[in-house]
Amino acid sequence: MKWPIFAVEDRLENTAKGQRRVVRVYDDQARYTLTVKPDGTGLRLDGDNAVMQHNLGVCPVVRFVNTDDLDGDGVLGEVAPLIDAQDKLNMTTFNLLMAQQYAAFRQRWVTGMAPPVDEQGNPMEPFRSAGGRPVRRPRTRTPGSASSGRPI
């Protein structure tokens, strides 16, 4: 197996004093930690944690290639082949949600309305549905209401 000569890790960390960039350089003997301001100035060793000996004799980094071809170009990651399928799934879900929102029958309701009753005091259906649309029917008197008897 071929081992790299050195490796560099670069990341941005949030601290109590603000952001700082931490750069770690690995070689066959140690890890060197350097700190840099986020704008790239002020490169310096990171105090007591600056050098950590590992004495492995090789750089402790392994190259991982998910898919490789003989030419070395066309290497794909783990996620790239799945992006098309995920885009199709997202579009299908979006279309279903839009159809659900705009193509469904509207539901309307009223609170505090006393249902109409017949001569025996049994509740009657206030609306008769025809294709999802309410059909107006003459208002019936409910006990305690001052209805004029006109259609709604």
Foldseek 3Di string as FASTA:
>chain_A
DDFDQKDKDWDWDQDPVGIKIWIWMWGQFWIAIWIARPVGPDTDGDPPPGIDTDNNRGGPDDDDFPDADPVRPPGDDPCVVCPVVVVVVVVVVVVVVVCVVPVDQDDDDDPPDDAAADPVRHGDDQFDDDPSDTDWDFDDDHPPDDDPRGTD
